[in-house]
Amino acid sequence: MKFSTHTARLFLAPFLLTLLVVLAGCAKQGGDSAGSGTSSTGSSAREKCKSGEKVIVGFSQMENNGPWRIAETASIKSEAAKRSDKFELKDTDARAQTSQQVSDVEDLIAQGVDVLFLAPKEYEGLAPALQAAREANIPVFLIDREAAGTVGQDYVSFLGSNFIEQGKRAGEWLAQTTNGKANIVELTGTAGASVARDRAQGFRDAISKYPDMKIIASQTGEFTRSEGLRVMQNIIQSKGNEITAVYTHNDEMALGAIEALKAAGRKPGVDVIVISVDGQRTALEAIARGELNATVESNPRFGPLAFDTLEKYLKGETIPNKIILEDRFFDKSNAGQFASEAY
């Protein structure tokens, strides 16, 4: 069958238009710059994007224990499913073990992932994982926690909250609420995690202006409700009625501390002020009941941000070294309003 020139143009036009759209969506728009990795890193992913192949994304989750982590993993998976025409997701669960997380990353690399989303268990200890990714020219995006390494070499960018600011907001609120006078119990997150370090620093920076605000006990509750309960029980035995305030690095530990206070005959939210960080639904419900006084939001829904950032990276756009989320603050004035949408 013979085609006229006009017919051929009509036949080819839709194909050429589709090809141009694909190439425009993935085209490199200038050289790599600060925050976007070395020149070779990500080349495989970008080439796949240009050719219309699916980019394989590996997500190394530190654990799936507790509402926050479960919500984060669900958000990553949900967003990957929405963009299944462009991406394939492989995810792992390190079960709160840094050594397992290193092994997980190495396994994902062996499975041929093109990009890595990494939610670090600890700040230190992941150097072998980052080195393996770098040697394989696989770009890494740190999700919600930082890890020791050099931006632009070991990882592309950190996506998360300003943890120092979270601690600072908690400290400032507590100072205002107690008129600058409190004996505080602090339940910290996992030792060695950047988030625990930063939330502690920000809180201390805020209360340092108030000489009558004293941290009388500080112990790790490992970010879990059960450990928060156990540790708080022990502190109550030694400090008793000295305690007038509790600051915890996440809501799960706060809920555990509340149970310990109630069991000891104290009234959390009334004679012991309790403030935490996260903003999960059970915490907002505790605020509504008057047992938790306030919580600083730390949003776990990273899926849209992570994949939006990755798509920009694949197009060759400059990626900032840090992409910081804006977090809200919940107390009795607004907790009821947002409880239904919380995780």
Protein backbone atom coordinates (compact mmCIF):
# COMPACT_ATOMS: atom_id res chain seq x y z
CA MET A 1 0.00 0.00 0.00
CA LYS A 2 1.33 3.43 -0.92
CA PHE A 3 1.01 6.44 1.36
CA SER A 4 0.86 9.99 0.21
CA THR A 5 3.14 12.51 1.90
CA HIS A 6 0.07 14.03 3.59
CA THR A 7 -1.09 10.62 4.89
CA ALA A 8 2.38 9.79 6.20
CA ARG A 9 2.51 13.04 8.13
CA LEU A 10 -0.86 12.34 9.70
CA PHE A 11 0.28 8.84 10.66
CA LEU A 12 3.60 9.94 12.16
CA ALA A 13 2.43 13.08 13.95
CA PRO A 14 0.95 11.42 17.08
CA PHE A 15 4.03 9.20 17.46
CA LEU A 16 6.44 12.12 17.14
CA LEU A 17 4.41 14.20 19.57
CA THR A 18 4.49 11.40 22.18
CA LEU A 19 8.24 10.97 21.70
CA LEU A 20 8.85 14.68 22.17
CA VAL A 21 6.79 14.73 25.38
CA VAL A 22 8.76 11.82 26.85
CA LEU A 23 12.09 13.38 25.95
CA ALA A 24 11.07 16.78 27.27
CA GLY A 25 9.93 15.26 30.55
CA CYS A 26 13.28 13.55 31.18
CA ALA A 27 15.70 15.79 29.29
CA LYS A 28 18.76 16.98 31.19
CA GLN A 29 18.43 20.72 31.71
CA GLY A 30 22.03 21.64 32.42
CA GLY A 31 24.92 20.08 34.34
CA ASP A 32 24.77 18.60 37.81
CA SER A 33 25.02 21.16 40.57
CA ALA A 34 25.16 21.25 44.36
CA GLY A 35 22.70 18.79 45.76
CA SER A 36 22.19 16.87 42.51
CA GLY A 37 25.04 14.38 42.79
CA THR A 38 28.13 13.72 40.71
CA SER A 39 28.00 13.84 36.93
CA SER A 40 27.75 10.05 36.52
CA THR A 41 25.37 9.41 39.42
CA GLY A 42 21.84 8.82 38.21
CA SER A 43 22.81 8.45 34.56
CA SER A 44 21.14 5.04 34.31
CA ALA A 45 17.92 6.35 35.80
CA ARG A 46 17.91 9.36 33.48
CA GLU A 47 18.59 7.21 30.43
CA LYS A 48 15.71 4.92 31.39
CA CYS A 49 13.46 7.91 31.82
CA LYS A 50 14.42 9.28 28.42
CA SER A 51 13.73 5.93 26.75
CA GLY A 52 10.36 5.53 28.46
CA GLU A 53 11.45 2.57 30.61
CA LYS A 54 10.30 2.32 34.19
CA VAL A 55 12.78 3.61 36.76
CA ILE A 56 13.24 1.09 39.58
CA VAL A 57 13.16 2.79 42.99
CA GLY A 58 14.42 1.05 46.12
CA PHE A 59 13.02 2.18 49.46
CA SER A 60 15.02 1.13 52.51
CA GLN A 61 12.78 1.64 55.55
CA MET A 62 14.42 1.42 58.97
CA GLU A 63 11.39 -0.35 60.46
CA ASN A 64 7.64 -0.68 60.12
CA ASN A 65 6.87 -0.51 63.82
CA GLY A 66 4.50 2.16 65.10
CA PRO A 67 1.95 4.42 63.40
CA TRP A 68 4.46 6.99 62.09
CA ARG A 69 6.66 4.51 60.22
CA ILE A 70 3.69 2.56 58.93
CA ALA A 71 2.14 5.78 57.59
CA GLU A 72 5.40 6.77 55.91
CA THR A 73 5.80 3.41 54.17
CA ALA A 74 2.16 3.47 53.09
CA SER A 75 2.64 6.94 51.61
CA ILE A 76 5.70 5.88 49.58
CA LYS A 77 3.92 2.77 48.30
CA SER A 78 0.74 4.65 47.48
CA GLU A 79 2.56 7.31 45.50
CA ALA A 80 4.60 4.71 43.63
CA ALA A 81 1.36 2.97 42.66
CA LYS A 82 -0.08 6.24 41.36
CA ARG A 83 2.99 6.67 39.14
CA SER A 84 3.33 3.03 38.12
CA ASP A 85 3.63 4.07 34.49
CA LYS A 86 7.02 5.61 35.33
CA PHE A 87 8.28 3.81 38.43
CA GLU A 88 8.59 0.36 39.96
CA LEU A 89 9.10 0.18 43.74
CA LYS A 90 11.10 -2.36 45.73
CA ASP A 91 10.96 -1.85 49.51
CA THR A 92 12.68 -3.40 52.52
CA ASP A 93 12.26 -3.33 56.31
CA ALA A 94 15.45 -3.29 58.42
CA ARG A 95 13.51 -4.05 61.62
CA ALA A 96 15.34 -1.31 63.53
CA GLN A 97 18.80 -2.81 62.87
CA THR A 98 21.45 -0.64 61.21
CA SER A 99 23.43 -3.70 60.09
CA GLN A 100 20.30 -5.08 58.45
CA GLN A 101 19.67 -1.75 56.73
CA VAL A 102 23.17 -1.82 55.23
CA SER A 103 22.47 -5.35 53.99
CA ASP A 104 19.07 -4.26 52.64
CA VAL A 105 20.64 -1.46 50.60
CA GLU A 106 23.25 -3.82 49.21
CA ASP A 107 20.49 -6.27 48.27
CA LEU A 108 18.47 -3.55 46.53
CA ILE A 109 21.55 -2.56 44.54
CA ALA A 110 22.08 -6.21 43.56
CA GLN A 111 18.45 -6.32 42.39
CA GLY A 112 19.20 -3.50 39.96
CA VAL A 113 17.45 -0.48 41.44
CA ASP A 114 18.15 2.82 39.70
CA VAL A 115 17.42 5.13 42.66
CA LEU A 116 17.37 4.74 46.44
CA PHE A 117 15.09 6.32 49.02
CA LEU A 118 16.75 5.75 52.40
CA ALA A 119 15.10 6.33 55.79
CA PRO A 120 18.14 5.89 58.08
CA LYS A 121 17.99 4.06 61.39
CA GLU A 122 21.00 6.00 62.73
CA TYR A 123 23.13 8.95 61.70
CA GLU A 124 26.33 6.90 61.86
CA GLY A 125 26.75 3.37 60.58
CA LEU A 126 25.36 3.65 57.06
CA ALA A 127 28.64 4.59 55.36
CA PRO A 128 28.99 1.13 53.72
CA ALA A 129 25.49 1.44 52.24
CA LEU A 130 26.13 4.93 50.88
CA GLN A 131 29.50 3.84 49.50
CA ALA A 132 27.93 0.86 47.74
CA ALA A 133 25.34 3.13 46.14
CA ARG A 134 27.98 5.64 45.09
CA GLU A 135 30.14 2.93 43.50
CA ALA A 136 27.08 1.70 41.60
CA ASN A 137 26.27 5.28 40.46
CA ILE A 138 22.88 5.10 42.15
CA PRO A 139 21.51 8.41 43.50
CA VAL A 140 20.32 8.35 47.13
CA PHE A 141 17.64 10.54 48.70
CA LEU A 142 17.60 10.61 52.50
CA ILE A 143 14.03 10.48 53.79
CA ASP A 144 13.03 11.91 57.20
CA ARG A 145 16.40 11.32 58.91
CA GLU A 146 19.92 12.39 58.05
CA ALA A 147 22.98 10.16 57.74
CA ALA A 148 26.69 10.92 57.88
CA GLY A 149 27.95 11.70 54.40
CA THR A 150 28.65 14.44 51.90
CA VAL A 151 25.75 15.93 49.97
CA GLY A 152 26.37 15.78 46.22
CA GLN A 153 28.60 12.72 46.66
CA ASP A 154 26.99 10.29 49.08
CA TYR A 155 23.42 11.49 48.62
CA VAL A 156 21.47 13.95 46.52
CA SER A 157 19.30 15.62 49.14
CA PHE A 158 17.69 15.28 52.56
CA LEU A 159 13.90 15.46 52.67
CA GLY A 160 12.45 16.00 56.12
CA SER A 161 11.39 18.29 58.91
CA ASN A 162 13.51 20.77 60.82
CA PHE A 163 13.95 18.65 63.94
CA ILE A 164 15.79 21.37 65.85
CA GLU A 165 12.90 23.71 65.20
CA GLN A 166 10.45 21.06 66.40
CA GLY A 167 12.28 20.79 69.72
CA LYS A 168 12.53 24.55 69.97
CA ARG A 169 8.80 25.01 69.43
CA ALA A 170 8.07 22.43 72.13
CA GLY A 171 10.42 24.17 74.56
CA GLU A 172 9.05 27.64 73.87
CA TRP A 173 5.47 26.47 74.29
CA LEU A 174 6.30 24.74 77.57
CA ALA A 175 8.08 27.84 78.88
CA GLN A 176 5.06 30.01 78.12
CA THR A 177 2.62 27.48 79.57
CA THR A 178 4.54 27.03 82.85
CA ASN A 179 5.64 30.68 83.17
CA GLY A 180 9.22 29.57 82.83
CA LYS A 181 9.26 27.18 85.80
CA ALA A 182 9.20 23.39 85.44
CA ASN A 183 10.91 20.16 86.49
CA ILE A 184 11.01 18.26 83.23
CA VAL A 185 11.34 14.61 82.33
CA GLU A 186 12.61 14.11 78.77
CA LEU A 187 12.03 10.84 76.94
CA THR A 188 14.40 10.83 74.00
CA GLY A 189 14.34 8.93 70.74
CA THR A 190 16.76 6.27 69.59
CA ALA A 191 20.32 7.05 70.63
CA GLY A 192 22.41 7.99 67.61
CA ALA A 193 19.47 9.08 65.45
CA SER A 194 19.71 12.59 63.98
CA VAL A 195 16.10 13.29 64.89
CA ALA A 196 16.68 12.51 68.59
CA ARG A 197 19.83 14.61 68.69
CA ASP A 198 18.16 17.58 67.03
CA ARG A 199 14.91 17.51 69.01
CA ALA A 200 16.95 17.43 72.21
CA GLN A 201 19.14 20.33 71.06
CA GLY A 202 16.25 22.52 69.97
CA PHE A 203 14.40 21.95 73.25
CA ARG A 204 17.46 22.78 75.32
CA ASP A 205 18.15 25.89 73.27
CA ALA A 206 14.62 27.11 73.99
CA ILE A 207 14.55 26.50 77.74
CA SER A 208 18.10 27.73 78.33
CA LYS A 209 16.67 31.24 78.67
CA TYR A 210 14.71 30.15 81.73
CA PRO A 211 16.81 29.24 84.80
CA ASP A 212 13.82 27.68 86.58
CA MET A 213 13.20 25.19 83.78
CA LYS A 214 15.25 22.11 84.59
CA ILE A 215 15.53 18.70 82.98
CA ILE A 216 15.60 16.43 86.04
CA ALA A 217 15.71 13.16 84.08
CA SER A 218 16.44 12.26 80.44
CA GLN A 219 16.34 8.69 79.14
CA THR A 220 15.65 7.03 75.82
CA GLY A 221 12.26 5.50 75.25
CA GLU A 222 13.34 4.17 71.83
CA PHE A 223 10.40 5.94 70.14
CA THR A 224 7.99 3.22 71.35
CA ARG A 225 4.95 3.39 73.61
CA SER A 226 5.90 0.31 75.62
CA GLU A 227 9.40 1.58 76.34
CA GLY A 228 8.08 5.07 77.10
CA LEU A 229 5.75 3.49 79.66
CA ARG A 230 8.49 1.41 81.25
CA VAL A 231 11.05 4.21 81.43
CA MET A 232 8.50 6.68 82.79
CA GLN A 233 7.48 4.22 85.50
CA ASN A 234 11.09 3.98 86.64
CA ILE A 235 11.56 7.75 86.63
CA ILE A 236 8.36 8.26 88.63
CA GLN A 237 9.71 5.87 91.27
CA SER A 238 12.85 7.98 91.68
CA LYS A 239 11.48 11.49 91.10
CA GLY A 240 7.87 11.20 92.23
CA ASN A 241 6.03 14.48 92.72
CA GLU A 242 9.07 16.51 91.63
CA ILE A 243 7.90 15.98 88.06
CA THR A 244 5.80 18.83 86.71
CA ALA A 245 6.33 18.42 82.96
CA VAL A 246 7.17 15.74 80.40
CA TYR A 247 8.69 16.31 76.96
CA THR A 248 8.90 13.32 74.63
CA HIS A 249 10.51 13.08 71.20
CA ASN A 250 7.43 11.40 69.74
CA ASP A 251 3.76 10.78 70.47
CA GLU A 252 4.09 7.06 71.12
CA MET A 253 6.41 7.67 74.07
CA ALA A 254 4.10 10.43 75.32
CA LEU A 255 1.15 8.02 75.32
CA GLY A 256 3.22 5.52 77.28
CA ALA A 257 4.27 8.22 79.74
CA ILE A 258 0.64 9.26 80.19
CA GLU A 259 -0.30 5.71 81.17
CA ALA A 260 2.56 5.59 83.68
CA LEU A 261 1.49 8.89 85.22
CA LYS A 262 -2.12 7.77 85.52
CA ALA A 263 -1.05 4.50 87.15
CA ALA A 264 0.96 6.51 89.68
CA GLY A 265 -2.05 8.63 90.60
CA ARG A 266 -0.93 11.73 88.72
CA LYS A 267 -3.15 13.69 86.32
CA PRO A 268 -1.39 14.06 82.96
CA GLY A 269 -2.37 17.27 81.26
CA VAL A 270 -3.36 18.84 84.59
CA ASP A 271 -0.73 18.52 87.32
CA VAL A 272 1.89 17.23 84.86
CA ILE A 273 2.12 19.10 81.54
CA VAL A 274 2.89 16.76 78.63
CA ILE A 275 4.14 17.83 75.20
CA SER A 276 5.47 15.70 72.35
CA VAL A 277 6.25 15.62 68.65
CA ASP A 278 4.51 13.89 65.70
CA GLY A 279 0.81 14.75 65.50
CA GLN A 280 -0.66 11.28 65.12
CA ARG A 281 -4.39 10.70 65.54
CA THR A 282 -4.17 9.01 68.94
CA ALA A 283 -2.19 11.98 70.23
CA LEU A 284 -4.74 14.49 68.97
CA GLU A 285 -7.45 12.42 70.62
CA ALA A 286 -5.43 12.49 73.87
CA ILE A 287 -5.29 16.29 73.59
CA ALA A 288 -9.06 16.36 73.20
CA ARG A 289 -9.36 14.26 76.38
CA GLY A 290 -7.07 16.68 78.23
CA GLU A 291 -4.31 14.12 78.90
CA LEU A 292 -1.78 15.42 76.36
CA ASN A 293 -1.36 19.18 76.23
CA ALA A 294 0.25 19.71 72.83
CA THR A 295 2.24 18.11 70.02
CA VAL A 296 4.42 19.51 67.25
CA GLU A 297 3.59 17.97 63.88
CA SER A 298 6.13 15.83 62.04
CA ASN A 299 4.42 14.76 58.84
CA PRO A 300 5.15 11.16 57.69
CA ARG A 301 3.50 11.45 54.27
CA PHE A 302 6.65 11.68 52.18
CA GLY A 303 5.39 9.88 49.09
CA PRO A 304 4.33 12.89 46.98
CA LEU A 305 7.37 14.97 47.94
CA ALA A 306 9.83 12.12 47.37
CA PHE A 307 8.54 11.26 43.90
CA ASP A 308 8.07 14.90 42.88
CA THR A 309 11.70 15.53 43.84
CA LEU A 310 12.85 12.43 41.97
CA GLU A 311 11.03 13.48 38.80
CA LYS A 312 12.70 16.90 38.96
CA TYR A 313 16.06 15.18 39.43
CA LEU A 314 15.50 12.93 36.41
CA LYS A 315 14.78 16.02 34.32
CA GLY A 316 18.15 17.43 35.38
CA GLU A 317 16.74 20.19 37.56
CA THR A 318 18.81 21.51 40.46
CA ILE A 319 17.79 19.82 43.71
CA PRO A 320 18.36 21.70 47.00
CA ASN A 321 20.64 20.04 49.55
CA LYS A 322 17.73 20.02 51.99
CA ILE A 323 14.00 20.14 51.38
CA ILE A 324 12.27 21.04 54.63
CA LEU A 325 8.59 20.37 55.35
CA GLU A 326 6.41 22.91 57.12
CA ASP A 327 4.98 21.43 60.32
CA ARG A 328 1.91 22.53 62.23
CA PHE A 329 1.33 22.77 66.00
CA PHE A 330 -1.57 21.08 67.74
CA ASP A 331 -3.09 21.92 71.11
CA LYS A 332 -6.62 22.03 72.57
CA SER A 333 -7.53 24.89 70.21
CA ASN A 334 -7.24 22.81 67.01
CA ALA A 335 -6.62 19.13 67.82
CA GLY A 336 -10.27 18.17 67.33
CA GLN A 337 -10.35 19.91 63.97
CA PHE A 338 -7.46 17.86 62.51
CA ALA A 339 -7.88 14.51 64.30
CA SER A 340 -9.90 12.93 61.48
CA GLU A 341 -7.21 13.61 58.88
CA ALA A 342 -4.28 12.53 61.06
CA TYR A 343 -2.59 9.17 60.50
